[in-house]
C-alpha cells in the first residue's frame, strides 16, 4: 500500500467519523444526558428517603386544627419551594409519548421528587423554629413550559403550612 493510498484511506475514515458524529452526535449527547439524569434522580430519591426518616416523628396534616391534646405556644407560617428541571432526554421521551399516548411515568417521578423535596424543606424550616407539628399543609404546583409549545421543561412546587410550636411546659 502506497503512502497516497494510506493518506486517502485515513481521509475517508476521518470524513466518515465526522459525518457519523454530525448525524449521531446529538443522540449520543442526549443518551449520556439521560443516563446522568437517571443517576442523579436515583441519588435524589435516596437522599429524600433518609431526610424523611429523620423527620418521621413530626406530625403533618392538612387539617386546619392542631392535633388533639397539643398545647400550642405559637404558630408560624413555614414554606418550602423547589423547581425541578426535566433533562432533554425526558423532554424527548415526552414528545414521543404524546404521539403514542399513555402515562408520562418519567414526568410523574419528576413531580414526585419535587413534591417530596418541597414538603421536606417546609418541615425542615418548621423543625428549625422548634415546631413538633405542621397543620393546614397545602401544596401548589406549576408546570414550567419551554419556548416551544407543549414542551415541558420542569415543574415548580411550593408547600406551605402552619408550624405549631408547643408550649414549654407541655414538652
N, C-alpha and C. Protein backbone atom coordinates (compact mmCIF):
# COMPACT_ATOMS: atom_id res chain seq x y z
N UNK A 1 0.86 -1.17 0.00
CA UNK A 1 0.00 0.00 0.00
C UNK A 1 0.91 1.23 0.00
N UNK A 2 0.64 2.12 -0.92
CA UNK A 2 1.49 3.32 -1.03
C UNK A 2 1.07 4.36 -0.01
N UNK A 3 1.92 5.36 0.11
CA UNK A 3 1.64 6.44 1.08
C UNK A 3 0.39 7.23 0.69
N UNK A 4 0.16 7.42 -0.58
CA UNK A 4 -1.04 8.14 -1.05
C UNK A 4 -2.31 7.36 -0.73
N UNK A 5 -2.24 6.03 -0.88
CA UNK A 5 -3.39 5.20 -0.56
C UNK A 5 -3.72 5.27 0.94
N UNK A 6 -2.68 5.22 1.79
CA UNK A 6 -2.89 5.29 3.24
C UNK A 6 -3.45 6.64 3.64
N UNK A 7 -2.95 7.71 3.04
CA UNK A 7 -3.45 9.05 3.32
C UNK A 7 -4.90 9.18 2.87
N UNK A 8 -5.20 8.62 1.69
CA UNK A 8 -6.57 8.66 1.17
C UNK A 8 -7.53 7.89 2.07
N UNK A 9 -7.08 6.71 2.54
CA UNK A 9 -7.90 5.90 3.44
C UNK A 9 -8.14 6.62 4.76
N UNK A 10 -7.08 7.23 5.28
CA UNK A 10 -7.20 7.99 6.52
C UNK A 10 -8.18 9.17 6.35
N UNK A 11 -8.12 9.83 5.21
CA UNK A 11 -9.03 10.93 4.92
C UNK A 11 -10.47 10.46 4.85
N UNK A 12 -10.69 9.33 4.20
CA UNK A 12 -12.04 8.78 4.10
C UNK A 12 -12.57 8.40 5.48
N UNK A 13 -11.72 7.78 6.29
CA UNK A 13 -12.13 7.41 7.65
C UNK A 13 -12.45 8.65 8.48
N UNK A 14 -11.64 9.68 8.34
CA UNK A 14 -11.86 10.92 9.07
C UNK A 14 -13.16 11.58 8.64
N UNK A 15 -13.42 11.64 7.36
CA UNK A 15 -14.67 12.22 6.86
C UNK A 15 -15.86 11.38 7.33
N UNK A 16 -15.71 10.07 7.32
CA UNK A 16 -16.78 9.18 7.79
C UNK A 16 -17.05 9.38 9.27
N UNK A 17 -15.97 9.54 10.06
CA UNK A 17 -16.13 9.77 11.51
C UNK A 17 -16.83 11.10 11.77
N UNK A 18 -16.41 12.15 11.07
CA UNK A 18 -17.04 13.47 11.25
C UNK A 18 -18.50 13.41 10.84
N UNK A 19 -18.80 12.74 9.73
CA UNK A 19 -20.18 12.61 9.26
C UNK A 19 -21.02 11.86 10.30
N UNK A 20 -20.49 10.76 10.84
CA UNK A 20 -21.20 9.99 11.87
C UNK A 20 -21.40 10.82 13.13
N UNK A 21 -20.40 11.60 13.48
CA UNK A 21 -20.51 12.46 14.66
C UNK A 21 -21.58 13.53 14.47
N UNK A 22 -21.66 14.08 13.28
CA UNK A 22 -22.69 15.09 12.99
C UNK A 22 -24.08 14.46 13.05
N UNK A 23 -24.22 13.29 12.49
CA UNK A 23 -25.53 12.62 12.44
C UNK A 23 -25.93 12.07 13.81
N UNK A 24 -25.03 11.34 14.46
CA UNK A 24 -25.37 10.65 15.70
C UNK A 24 -24.98 11.41 16.96
N UNK A 25 -24.20 12.47 16.83
CA UNK A 25 -23.74 13.24 17.98
C UNK A 25 -24.85 13.70 18.91
N UNK A 26 -25.90 14.36 18.37
CA UNK A 26 -26.97 14.80 19.26
C UNK A 26 -27.64 13.65 20.02
N UNK A 27 -27.78 12.50 19.37
CA UNK A 27 -28.39 11.36 20.06
C UNK A 27 -27.48 10.82 21.15
N UNK A 28 -26.18 10.81 20.88
CA UNK A 28 -25.22 10.34 21.88
C UNK A 28 -25.21 11.28 23.08
N UNK A 29 -25.20 12.58 22.82
CA UNK A 29 -25.23 13.56 23.91
C UNK A 29 -26.51 13.42 24.71
N UNK A 30 -27.65 13.24 24.00
CA UNK A 30 -28.93 13.08 24.69
C UNK A 30 -28.94 11.79 25.52
N UNK A 31 -28.37 10.72 25.01
CA UNK A 31 -28.31 9.46 25.74
C UNK A 31 -27.44 9.60 26.98
N UNK A 32 -26.29 10.25 26.85
CA UNK A 32 -25.42 10.46 28.01
C UNK A 32 -26.14 11.33 29.04
N UNK A 33 -26.81 12.39 28.57
CA UNK A 33 -27.58 13.24 29.48
C UNK A 33 -28.67 12.47 30.19
N UNK A 34 -29.34 11.56 29.47
CA UNK A 34 -30.38 10.74 30.09
C UNK A 34 -29.82 9.82 31.16
N UNK A 35 -28.65 9.23 30.90
CA UNK A 35 -28.03 8.34 31.88
C UNK A 35 -27.59 9.12 33.12
N UNK A 36 -26.99 10.29 32.91
CA UNK A 36 -26.57 11.12 34.04
C UNK A 36 -27.80 11.60 34.82
N UNK A 37 -28.85 12.01 34.11
CA UNK A 37 -30.09 12.45 34.76
C UNK A 37 -30.72 11.34 35.58
N UNK A 38 -30.72 10.12 35.06
CA UNK A 38 -31.29 8.98 35.79
C UNK A 38 -30.48 8.69 37.05
N UNK A 39 -29.16 8.80 36.96
CA UNK A 39 -28.31 8.57 38.14
C UNK A 39 -28.56 9.65 39.19
N UNK A 40 -28.69 10.90 38.76
CA UNK A 40 -28.98 11.98 39.71
C UNK A 40 -30.35 11.80 40.35
N UNK A 41 -31.32 11.35 39.56
CA UNK A 41 -32.67 11.11 40.09
C UNK A 41 -32.64 10.02 41.16
N UNK A 42 -31.94 8.91 40.91
CA UNK A 42 -31.83 7.84 41.90
C UNK A 42 -31.17 8.34 43.19
N UNK A 43 -30.11 9.14 43.04
CA UNK A 43 -29.41 9.68 44.20
C UNK A 43 -30.33 10.61 44.99
N UNK A 44 -31.13 11.43 44.28
CA UNK A 44 -32.03 12.34 44.97
C UNK A 44 -33.10 11.57 45.74
N UNK A 45 -33.63 10.49 45.16
CA UNK A 45 -34.62 9.68 45.87
C UNK A 45 -34.03 9.06 47.14
N UNK A 46 -32.76 8.61 47.09
CA UNK A 46 -32.11 8.07 48.28
C UNK A 46 -31.97 9.15 49.36
N UNK A 47 -31.57 10.34 48.93
CA UNK A 47 -31.43 11.46 49.87
C UNK A 47 -32.79 11.83 50.48
N UNK A 48 -33.84 11.83 49.67
CA UNK A 48 -35.18 12.13 50.18
C UNK A 48 -35.60 11.11 51.22
N UNK A 49 -35.32 9.83 50.95
CA UNK A 49 -35.68 8.77 51.91
C UNK A 49 -35.01 8.99 53.27
N UNK A 50 -33.73 9.31 53.26
CA UNK A 50 -33.02 9.49 54.53
C UNK A 50 -33.52 10.74 55.26
N UNK A 51 -33.79 11.82 54.53
CA UNK A 51 -34.30 13.03 55.18
C UNK A 51 -35.70 12.82 55.73
N UNK A 52 -36.52 12.03 55.04
CA UNK A 52 -37.87 11.73 55.54
C UNK A 52 -37.80 10.89 56.81
N UNK A 53 -36.86 9.95 56.87
CA UNK A 53 -36.70 9.16 58.09
C UNK A 53 -36.30 10.05 59.27
N UNK A 54 -35.46 11.04 59.01
CA UNK A 54 -35.02 11.95 60.08
C UNK A 54 -36.17 12.81 60.62
N UNK A 55 -37.18 13.06 59.78
CA UNK A 55 -38.32 13.90 60.19
C UNK A 55 -39.58 13.07 60.46
N UNK A 56 -39.42 11.77 60.63
CA UNK A 56 -40.57 10.88 60.78
C UNK A 56 -41.42 11.18 62.01
N UNK A 57 -40.84 11.73 63.06
CA UNK A 57 -41.58 11.99 64.29
C UNK A 57 -42.46 13.22 64.24
N UNK A 58 -42.31 14.05 63.22
CA UNK A 58 -43.09 15.28 63.14
C UNK A 58 -44.49 14.98 62.59
N UNK A 59 -45.49 15.51 63.28
CA UNK A 59 -46.87 15.32 62.84
C UNK A 59 -47.19 16.31 61.72
N UNK A 60 -47.73 15.79 60.61
CA UNK A 60 -48.07 16.63 59.46
C UNK A 60 -49.50 16.30 59.04
N UNK A 61 -50.31 17.36 58.87
CA UNK A 61 -51.69 17.13 58.48
C UNK A 61 -52.19 18.28 57.61
N UNK A 62 -53.20 17.99 56.81
CA UNK A 62 -53.82 19.05 56.02
C UNK A 62 -55.04 19.64 56.74
N UNK A 63 -55.32 19.16 57.94
CA UNK A 63 -56.43 19.70 58.73
C UNK A 63 -56.07 21.09 59.24
N UNK A 64 -57.09 21.91 59.46
CA UNK A 64 -56.84 23.29 59.89
C UNK A 64 -56.60 23.42 61.39
N UNK A 65 -56.84 22.35 62.13
CA UNK A 65 -56.70 22.42 63.59
C UNK A 65 -55.50 21.61 64.05
N UNK A 66 -54.92 21.99 65.20
CA UNK A 66 -53.78 21.23 65.73
C UNK A 66 -54.22 19.82 66.15
N UNK A 67 -53.26 18.92 66.30
CA UNK A 67 -53.60 17.57 66.78
C UNK A 67 -54.24 17.66 68.16
N UNK A 68 -55.18 16.77 68.46
CA UNK A 68 -55.86 16.81 69.76
C UNK A 68 -54.88 16.69 70.92
N UNK A 69 -55.09 17.52 71.92
CA UNK A 69 -54.28 17.47 73.13
C UNK A 69 -52.95 18.20 73.03
N UNK A 70 -52.67 18.82 71.94
CA UNK A 70 -51.40 19.54 71.81
C UNK A 70 -51.55 20.96 72.34
N UNK A 71 -50.71 21.32 73.30
CA UNK A 71 -50.71 22.68 73.84
C UNK A 71 -49.77 23.53 72.98
N UNK A 72 -50.33 24.46 72.23
CA UNK A 72 -49.56 25.26 71.28
C UNK A 72 -49.21 26.60 71.89
N UNK A 73 -47.93 26.92 71.90
CA UNK A 73 -47.46 28.22 72.38
C UNK A 73 -47.65 29.28 71.30
N UNK A 74 -47.18 28.95 70.07
CA UNK A 74 -47.36 29.87 68.96
C UNK A 74 -47.36 29.09 67.65
N UNK A 75 -47.83 29.76 66.61
CA UNK A 75 -47.89 29.16 65.29
C UNK A 75 -47.24 30.11 64.29
N UNK A 76 -46.51 29.53 63.34
CA UNK A 76 -45.83 30.33 62.34
C UNK A 76 -45.98 29.68 60.97
N UNK A 77 -46.00 30.52 59.94
CA UNK A 77 -46.05 30.05 58.57
C UNK A 77 -44.69 29.47 58.18
N UNK A 78 -44.71 28.30 57.58
CA UNK A 78 -43.48 27.70 57.05
C UNK A 78 -43.71 27.37 55.57
N UNK A 79 -42.65 27.52 54.79
CA UNK A 79 -42.76 27.36 53.34
C UNK A 79 -41.57 26.56 52.83
N UNK A 80 -41.83 25.71 51.86
CA UNK A 80 -40.77 25.01 51.15
C UNK A 80 -41.06 25.07 49.67
N UNK A 81 -40.11 25.51 48.88
CA UNK A 81 -40.32 25.63 47.44
C UNK A 81 -39.17 24.95 46.70
N UNK A 82 -39.48 24.45 45.52
CA UNK A 82 -38.47 23.77 44.70
C UNK A 82 -38.86 23.86 43.23
N UNK A 83 -37.86 23.90 42.38
CA UNK A 83 -38.04 23.80 40.93
C UNK A 83 -37.17 22.64 40.47
N UNK A 84 -37.78 21.66 39.82
CA UNK A 84 -37.06 20.51 39.28
C UNK A 84 -37.15 20.59 37.76
N UNK A 85 -36.02 20.54 37.10
CA UNK A 85 -35.99 20.63 35.64
C UNK A 85 -35.95 19.24 35.02
N UNK A 86 -36.57 19.12 33.86
CA UNK A 86 -36.52 17.88 33.09
C UNK A 86 -35.29 17.94 32.18
N UNK A 87 -34.58 16.82 32.06
CA UNK A 87 -33.46 16.81 31.13
C UNK A 87 -33.99 16.64 29.70
N UNK A 88 -33.13 16.86 28.73
CA UNK A 88 -33.55 16.80 27.33
C UNK A 88 -34.04 15.42 26.94
N UNK A 89 -33.48 14.38 27.55
CA UNK A 89 -33.92 13.02 27.24
C UNK A 89 -35.38 12.82 27.67
N UNK A 90 -35.75 13.35 28.87
CA UNK A 90 -37.14 13.24 29.32
C UNK A 90 -38.07 14.03 28.40
N UNK A 91 -37.63 15.21 28.00
CA UNK A 91 -38.45 16.02 27.09
C UNK A 91 -38.63 15.31 25.75
N UNK A 92 -37.57 14.67 25.27
CA UNK A 92 -37.64 13.91 24.02
C UNK A 92 -38.63 12.75 24.15
N UNK A 93 -38.52 12.02 25.26
CA UNK A 93 -39.44 10.90 25.51
C UNK A 93 -40.88 11.39 25.63
N UNK A 94 -41.07 12.55 26.23
CA UNK A 94 -42.42 13.09 26.39
C UNK A 94 -43.03 13.41 25.03
N UNK A 95 -42.23 13.95 24.13
CA UNK A 95 -42.76 14.25 22.78
C UNK A 95 -43.18 12.96 22.08
N UNK A 96 -42.40 11.90 22.22
CA UNK A 96 -42.77 10.63 21.61
C UNK A 96 -44.01 10.03 22.28
N UNK A 97 -44.10 10.18 23.61
CA UNK A 97 -45.25 9.64 24.34
C UNK A 97 -46.53 10.35 23.92
N UNK A 98 -46.44 11.63 23.58
CA UNK A 98 -47.61 12.36 23.13
C UNK A 98 -48.14 11.79 21.82
N UNK A 99 -47.25 11.27 20.98
CA UNK A 99 -47.67 10.67 19.72
C UNK A 99 -48.39 9.35 19.94
N UNK A 100 -47.90 8.55 20.88
CA UNK A 100 -48.44 7.21 21.11
C UNK A 100 -49.57 7.23 22.12
N UNK A 101 -49.47 8.11 23.11
CA UNK A 101 -50.44 8.14 24.20
C UNK A 101 -49.95 7.33 25.38
N UNK A 102 -50.60 7.49 26.51
CA UNK A 102 -50.23 6.75 27.70
C UNK A 102 -49.75 7.65 28.81
N UNK A 103 -49.35 7.02 29.91
CA UNK A 103 -48.93 7.75 31.10
C UNK A 103 -47.48 8.23 30.95
N UNK A 104 -47.22 9.43 31.41
CA UNK A 104 -45.88 10.00 31.43
C UNK A 104 -45.20 9.62 32.74
N UNK A 105 -44.80 8.36 32.89
CA UNK A 105 -44.24 7.87 34.16
C UNK A 105 -42.97 8.62 34.55
N UNK A 106 -42.14 8.94 33.57
CA UNK A 106 -40.88 9.61 33.86
C UNK A 106 -41.13 11.04 34.34
N UNK A 107 -42.19 11.69 33.86
CA UNK A 107 -42.53 13.02 34.35
C UNK A 107 -43.25 12.93 35.70
N UNK A 108 -43.96 11.83 35.94
CA UNK A 108 -44.59 11.62 37.26
C UNK A 108 -43.52 11.51 38.34
N UNK A 109 -42.41 10.83 38.03
CA UNK A 109 -41.31 10.71 39.00
C UNK A 109 -40.71 12.08 39.29
N UNK A 110 -40.61 12.93 38.27
CA UNK A 110 -40.08 14.27 38.47
C UNK A 110 -41.01 15.06 39.39
N UNK A 111 -42.32 14.93 39.17
CA UNK A 111 -43.31 15.62 40.00
C UNK A 111 -43.25 15.10 41.44
N UNK A 112 -43.08 13.79 41.61
CA UNK A 112 -42.98 13.21 42.95
C UNK A 112 -41.75 13.72 43.69
N UNK A 113 -40.62 13.78 42.98
CA UNK A 113 -39.39 14.32 43.60
C UNK A 113 -39.61 15.75 44.06
N UNK A 114 -40.24 16.55 43.22
CA UNK A 114 -40.47 17.96 43.56
C UNK A 114 -41.41 18.07 44.76
N UNK A 115 -42.46 17.27 44.80
CA UNK A 115 -43.41 17.33 45.92
C UNK A 115 -42.73 16.94 47.22
N UNK A 116 -42.00 15.84 47.20
CA UNK A 116 -41.33 15.39 48.42
C UNK A 116 -40.28 16.39 48.89
N UNK A 117 -39.53 16.98 47.95
CA UNK A 117 -38.50 17.95 48.31
C UNK A 117 -39.12 19.21 48.90
N UNK A 118 -40.21 19.71 48.32
CA UNK A 118 -40.86 20.92 48.83
C UNK A 118 -41.40 20.69 50.25
N UNK A 119 -42.02 19.53 50.47
CA UNK A 119 -42.56 19.22 51.80
C UNK A 119 -41.42 19.08 52.81
N UNK A 120 -40.33 18.42 52.41
CA UNK A 120 -39.19 18.27 53.33
C UNK A 120 -38.58 19.63 53.69
N UNK A 121 -38.46 20.51 52.72
CA UNK A 121 -37.92 21.84 53.02
C UNK A 121 -38.83 22.59 54.00
N UNK A 122 -40.14 22.44 53.81
CA UNK A 122 -41.10 23.07 54.73
C UNK A 122 -40.93 22.49 56.14
N UNK A 123 -40.83 21.16 56.24
CA UNK A 123 -40.69 20.52 57.55
C UNK A 123 -39.36 20.86 58.21
N UNK A 124 -38.30 20.96 57.43
CA UNK A 124 -37.01 21.33 58.00
C UNK A 124 -37.04 22.76 58.54
N UNK A 125 -37.75 23.65 57.84
CA UNK A 125 -37.91 25.01 58.34
C UNK A 125 -38.71 25.01 59.64
N UNK A 126 -39.75 24.18 59.69
CA UNK A 126 -40.56 24.08 60.92
C UNK A 126 -39.72 23.54 62.07
N UNK A 127 -38.89 22.52 61.81
CA UNK A 127 -38.03 21.94 62.85
C UNK A 127 -37.06 22.99 63.38
N UNK A 128 -36.51 23.84 62.50
CA UNK A 128 -35.58 24.89 62.95
C UNK A 128 -36.27 25.91 63.85
N UNK A 129 -37.57 26.08 63.69
CA UNK A 129 -38.32 27.02 64.53
C UNK A 129 -38.77 26.37 65.84
N UNK A 130 -38.50 25.07 66.00
CA UNK A 130 -38.87 24.37 67.22
C UNK A 130 -40.23 23.71 67.17
N UNK A 131 -40.82 23.62 66.00
CA UNK A 131 -42.15 23.02 65.86
C UNK A 131 -42.08 21.50 65.96
N UNK A 132 -43.16 20.92 66.47
CA UNK A 132 -43.28 19.45 66.52
C UNK A 132 -44.39 18.96 65.61
N UNK A 133 -45.15 19.90 65.04
CA UNK A 133 -46.25 19.53 64.15
C UNK A 133 -46.46 20.66 63.14
N UNK A 134 -46.99 20.29 61.98
CA UNK A 134 -47.37 21.26 60.96
C UNK A 134 -48.78 20.90 60.51
N UNK A 135 -49.67 21.88 60.61
CA UNK A 135 -51.05 21.63 60.17
C UNK A 135 -51.40 22.57 59.02
N UNK A 136 -52.56 22.31 58.41
CA UNK A 136 -53.06 23.11 57.31
C UNK A 136 -52.06 23.14 56.14
N UNK A 137 -51.46 21.98 55.85
CA UNK A 137 -50.46 21.88 54.79
C UNK A 137 -51.15 21.92 53.43
N UNK A 138 -50.60 22.73 52.54
CA UNK A 138 -51.10 22.85 51.18
C UNK A 138 -49.91 22.75 50.23
N UNK A 139 -50.15 22.21 49.05
CA UNK A 139 -49.11 22.09 48.02
C UNK A 139 -49.67 22.67 46.72
N UNK A 140 -48.95 23.61 46.17
CA UNK A 140 -49.32 24.23 44.89
C UNK A 140 -48.28 23.83 43.86
N UNK A 141 -48.70 23.64 42.64
CA UNK A 141 -47.78 23.22 41.60
C UNK A 141 -47.98 24.01 40.33
N UNK A 142 -46.93 24.06 39.53
CA UNK A 142 -46.97 24.77 38.26
C UNK A 142 -46.01 24.08 37.31
N UNK A 143 -46.47 23.77 36.11
CA UNK A 143 -45.57 23.21 35.10
C UNK A 143 -44.85 24.36 34.42
N UNK A 144 -43.57 24.17 34.20
CA UNK A 144 -42.77 25.19 33.53
C UNK A 144 -42.60 24.74 32.09
N UNK A 145 -43.10 25.54 31.19
CA UNK A 145 -43.03 25.19 29.77
C UNK A 145 -41.84 25.88 29.12
N UNK A 146 -41.30 25.25 28.12
CA UNK A 146 -40.20 25.84 27.37
C UNK A 146 -40.73 26.81 26.34
N UNK A 147 -39.86 27.26 25.48
CA UNK A 147 -40.25 28.21 24.44
C UNK A 147 -41.08 27.55 23.35
N UNK A 148 -40.93 26.23 23.21
CA UNK A 148 -41.71 25.52 22.20
C UNK A 148 -43.05 25.14 22.80
N UNK A 149 -44.14 25.29 22.04
CA UNK A 149 -45.46 24.93 22.56
C UNK A 149 -45.53 23.44 22.91
N UNK A 150 -46.09 23.17 24.09
CA UNK A 150 -46.27 21.79 24.53
C UNK A 150 -45.03 21.15 25.13
N UNK A 151 -43.92 21.85 25.19
CA UNK A 151 -42.70 21.29 25.77
C UNK A 151 -42.67 21.55 27.27
N UNK A 152 -42.43 20.51 28.04
CA UNK A 152 -42.35 20.64 29.50
C UNK A 152 -40.88 20.69 29.88
N UNK A 153 -40.48 21.78 30.53
CA UNK A 153 -39.08 21.94 30.94
C UNK A 153 -38.87 21.58 32.40
N UNK A 154 -39.92 21.57 33.18
CA UNK A 154 -39.78 21.26 34.59
C UNK A 154 -41.06 21.56 35.35
N UNK A 155 -40.96 21.47 36.66
CA UNK A 155 -42.12 21.79 37.49
C UNK A 155 -41.66 22.55 38.73
N UNK A 156 -42.53 23.40 39.20
CA UNK A 156 -42.28 24.17 40.40
C UNK A 156 -43.34 23.81 41.41
N UNK A 157 -42.92 23.56 42.64
CA UNK A 157 -43.86 23.26 43.72
C UNK A 157 -43.55 24.12 44.92
N UNK A 158 -44.61 24.48 45.61
CA UNK A 158 -44.46 25.20 46.87
C UNK A 158 -45.37 24.50 47.87
N UNK A 159 -44.80 24.16 49.01
CA UNK A 159 -45.57 23.57 50.11
C UNK A 159 -45.55 24.57 51.25
N UNK A 160 -46.71 24.79 51.85
CA UNK A 160 -46.77 25.72 52.98
C UNK A 160 -47.76 25.20 54.00
N UNK A 161 -47.55 25.62 55.23
CA UNK A 161 -48.41 25.17 56.32
C UNK A 161 -48.14 26.01 57.56
N UNK A 162 -48.83 25.63 58.62
CA UNK A 162 -48.70 26.32 59.90
C UNK A 162 -47.89 25.45 60.85
N UNK A 163 -46.70 25.94 61.21
CA UNK A 163 -45.84 25.23 62.15
C UNK A 163 -46.36 25.49 63.56
N UNK A 164 -46.54 24.44 64.35
CA UNK A 164 -47.05 24.55 65.70
C UNK A 164 -45.92 24.33 66.68
N UNK A 165 -45.58 25.39 67.40
CA UNK A 165 -44.52 25.33 68.40
C UNK A 165 -45.19 25.07 69.75
N UNK A 166 -44.85 23.94 70.41
CA UNK A 166 -45.54 23.58 71.64
C UNK A 166 -45.18 24.52 72.79
N UNK A 167 -46.09 24.58 73.74
CA UNK A 167 -45.85 25.34 74.96
C UNK A 167 -44.69 24.69 75.71
N UNK A 168 -43.88 25.48 76.39
CA UNK A 168 -42.66 25.00 77.06
C UNK A 168 -42.99 23.95 78.13
N UNK A 169 -44.08 24.13 78.87
CA UNK A 169 -44.40 23.19 79.95
C UNK A 169 -45.07 21.91 79.44
N UNK A 170 -45.48 21.89 78.16
CA UNK A 170 -46.15 20.70 77.61
C UNK A 170 -45.14 19.73 77.04
N UNK A 171 -43.87 20.13 76.82
CA UNK A 171 -42.92 19.22 76.19
C UNK A 171 -42.39 18.21 77.15
